[in-house]
Protein backbone atom coordinates (compact mmCIF):
# COMPACT_ATOMS: atom_id res chain seq x y z
CA UNK A 1 -6.98 -6.51 -14.25
CA UNK A 2 -6.03 -4.64 -10.71
CA UNK A 3 -2.81 -2.92 -9.92
CA UNK A 4 -1.14 -3.02 -6.33
CA UNK A 5 -4.05 -3.59 -3.93
CA UNK A 6 -3.69 -3.14 -0.05
CA UNK A 7 -6.24 -2.45 2.84
CA UNK A 8 -7.69 -4.24 6.09
CA UNK A 9 -7.14 -7.95 6.02
CA UNK A 10 -3.86 -7.56 4.04
CA UNK A 11 -0.97 -10.00 4.39
CA UNK A 12 1.61 -8.33 6.87
CA UNK A 13 4.19 -11.58 6.96
CA UNK A 14 7.34 -10.11 6.46
CA UNK A 15 8.53 -13.30 4.66
CA UNK A 16 5.60 -13.07 2.08
CA UNK A 17 3.72 -9.49 1.92
CA UNK A 18 4.09 -6.67 -0.28
CA UNK A 19 6.09 -3.32 0.17
CA UNK A 20 2.98 -1.16 1.49
CA UNK A 21 2.04 -3.87 4.45
CA UNK A 22 5.76 -4.54 4.90
CA UNK A 23 6.57 -0.92 5.60
CA UNK A 24 3.41 -0.48 7.89
CA UNK A 25 4.54 -3.42 10.15
CA UNK A 26 8.21 -1.91 10.08
CA UNK A 27 7.26 1.50 11.00
CA UNK A 28 4.83 0.34 13.49
CA UNK A 29 7.30 -1.87 15.36
CA UNK A 30 9.79 0.83 15.09
CA UNK A 31 7.60 3.13 16.77
CA UNK A 32 6.90 0.90 19.50
CA UNK A 33 10.41 -0.31 20.27
CA UNK A 34 11.60 3.48 20.20
CA UNK A 35 14.02 2.56 17.31
CA UNK A 36 15.94 5.70 15.94
CA UNK A 37 15.93 4.08 12.25
CA UNK A 38 13.87 2.27 9.85
CA UNK A 39 15.72 0.59 7.02
CA UNK A 40 13.89 0.25 3.72
CA UNK A 41 15.48 -1.77 1.12
CA UNK A 42 16.54 -0.26 -2.28
CA UNK A 43 17.11 3.28 -3.15
CA UNK A 44 13.24 4.31 -2.74
CA UNK A 45 13.06 5.78 -6.16
CA UNK A 46 11.01 3.04 -7.91
CA UNK A 47 7.57 4.31 -8.41
CA UNK A 48 4.47 2.28 -7.61
CA UNK A 49 0.53 2.52 -7.95
CA UNK A 50 -1.82 1.31 -5.28
CA UNK A 51 -5.62 0.85 -5.30
CA UNK A 52 -7.75 0.14 -1.91
CA UNK A 53 -9.38 -3.41 -1.72
CA UNK A 54 -12.91 -1.46 -1.41
CA UNK A 55 -11.90 0.90 -4.57
CA UNK A 56 -11.45 -2.73 -6.42
CA UNK A 57 -14.82 -4.09 -5.09
CA UNK A 58 -16.43 -0.83 -6.20
CA UNK A 59 -14.85 -0.99 -9.57
CA UNK A 60 -15.85 -4.64 -9.89
CA UNK A 61 -19.56 -3.65 -9.49
CA UNK A 62 -19.36 -0.67 -11.67
CA UNK A 63 -17.75 -2.67 -14.62
CA UNK A 64 -20.34 -5.38 -14.15
CA UNK A 65 -23.23 -2.64 -14.49
CA UNK A 66 -21.43 -0.61 -17.30
CA UNK A 67 -18.95 -2.64 -19.27
CA UNK A 68 -19.75 -5.37 -21.84
CA UNK A 69 -16.84 -5.89 -23.97
CA UNK A 70 -14.15 -8.53 -24.32
CA UNK A 71 -11.15 -6.48 -23.88
CA UNK A 72 -9.80 -6.22 -20.27
CA UNK A 73 -9.96 -3.30 -18.35
CA UNK A 74 -7.06 -2.10 -15.84
CA UNK A 75 -8.37 -1.04 -12.38
CA UNK A 76 -6.03 1.30 -10.71
CA UNK A 77 -5.73 4.84 -9.22
CA UNK A 78 -4.07 6.14 -12.11
CA UNK A 79 -1.62 7.81 -9.65
CA UNK A 80 2.09 6.61 -8.71
CA UNK A 81 4.62 7.56 -5.98
CA UNK A 82 8.09 6.69 -5.20
CA UNK A 83 8.70 4.21 -2.61
CA UNK A 84 10.48 7.04 -0.65
CA UNK A 85 7.25 9.00 -0.59
CA UNK A 86 5.17 5.91 0.25
CA UNK A 87 7.24 5.15 3.28
CA UNK A 88 7.33 9.13 4.31
CA UNK A 89 3.45 8.75 4.32
CA UNK A 90 3.36 5.76 5.95
CA UNK A 91 5.80 6.88 8.68
CA UNK A 92 3.38 9.91 9.06
CA UNK A 93 0.45 7.67 9.62
CA UNK A 94 2.04 5.47 11.95
CA UNK A 95 3.34 8.29 13.78
CA UNK A 96 6.96 7.27 13.72
CA UNK A 97 9.22 10.16 14.35
CA UNK A 98 12.54 8.36 13.78
CA UNK A 99 14.95 8.39 10.67
CA UNK A 100 14.63 6.58 7.14
CA UNK A 101 17.56 4.64 5.73
CA UNK A 102 17.70 3.38 2.26
CA UNK A 103 19.81 0.17 1.78
CA UNK A 104 21.09 0.40 -1.82
CA UNK A 105 22.88 -3.01 -1.37
CA UNK A 106 19.33 -4.44 -1.97
CA UNK A 107 17.37 -4.77 -4.85
CA UNK A 108 15.03 -2.04 -6.20
CA UNK A 109 12.61 -4.21 -8.18
CA UNK A 110 11.18 -2.98 -11.35
CA UNK A 111 11.62 0.93 -11.88
CA UNK A 112 8.00 1.72 -12.50
CA UNK A 113 4.39 -0.14 -12.11
CA UNK A 114 1.58 2.00 -13.38
CA UNK A 115 -1.40 0.66 -15.20
CA UNK A 116 -3.01 2.46 -18.18
CA UNK A 117 -6.40 3.39 -16.64
CA UNK A 118 -7.86 5.85 -19.03
CA UNK A 119 -10.55 3.27 -20.45
CA UNK A 120 -12.00 2.93 -17.18
CA UNK A 121 -11.85 6.66 -16.46
CA UNK A 122 -13.70 7.33 -19.74
CA UNK A 123 -16.54 4.99 -18.69
CA UNK A 124 -16.66 7.33 -15.46
CA UNK A 125 -15.14 5.45 -12.54
CA UNK A 126 -12.55 6.81 -10.47
CA UNK A 127 -11.53 5.61 -6.77
CA UNK A 128 -12.79 7.02 -3.63
CA UNK A 129 -10.28 6.53 -1.17
CA UNK A 130 -7.31 8.48 -1.39
CA UNK A 131 -3.77 6.69 -0.48
CA UNK A 132 -3.59 8.76 2.71
CA UNK A 133 -7.20 7.64 3.93
CA UNK A 134 -6.35 4.10 2.69
CA UNK A 135 -3.10 3.81 4.74
CA UNK A 136 -4.96 5.38 7.70
CA UNK A 137 -7.88 2.76 7.74
CA UNK A 138 -5.30 -0.09 6.89
CA UNK A 139 -2.91 1.03 9.85
CA UNK A 140 -5.71 1.05 12.20
CA UNK A 141 -6.90 -2.35 11.49
CA UNK A 142 -3.33 -3.63 11.64
CA UNK A 143 -3.13 -2.05 15.08
CA UNK A 144 -6.60 -3.54 16.40
CA UNK A 145 -6.43 -7.16 14.77
CA UNK A 146 -2.79 -7.68 14.84
CA UNK A 147 -0.95 -5.92 17.55
CA UNK A 148 -1.65 -6.15 21.26
CA UNK A 149 -1.38 -3.05 23.75
CA UNK A 150 2.55 -3.37 23.78
CA UNK A 151 2.76 -3.53 20.00
CA UNK A 152 3.87 -6.94 19.79
CA UNK A 153 2.40 -8.69 16.77
CA UNK A 154 0.18 -11.48 17.75
CA UNK A 155 -0.57 -14.35 15.17
CA UNK A 156 0.66 -13.39 11.54
CA UNK A 157 0.23 -15.76 8.81
C-alpha cells in the first residue's frame, strides 16, 4: 500500500491533481507571471508523507524478491512535513521569490497522513530519492514537458 506518490508524468491539472503537483504548477505560473504572492488553501499545518514514483517501483521489485507473506506492506518514506514546509521547498526549487499566503477559509483536509513503514524498513528497504531531489526532478520534467518558453502551460489533461 503506497503513500502519496509524485514524480515525472504526474497529473498537474488543477481540477483533479493532488497537493504536490498543484503547488508546483502554481509556483511555476507565479514565477513566470512575476506574481507577488501565491495563495495556498488551508492553514498549511496538515502533515503529509510523499514518495517518489521511482522509489515505489524500487520497493515493488524489492518486495517481489524479499517478501512472501499475506499481510499488506505499507510503502512510504516514513517522513512527513507540513503543507507549509512542502510549499516552501517547492517555492525554493522553482525559484519563486514572492510571498506565500494561506487561505484559512479553505479546508485543510485530514490533519495527518503518515503510513507505518516499520515492517518494510525491517526488511531492509528505504527510499533512495530525497523529497528535495524528487521535487527538483519533477519540476524539471514539468518545465520540459508541459511548459513552453514563456512559461505558459501547453496541453494539460
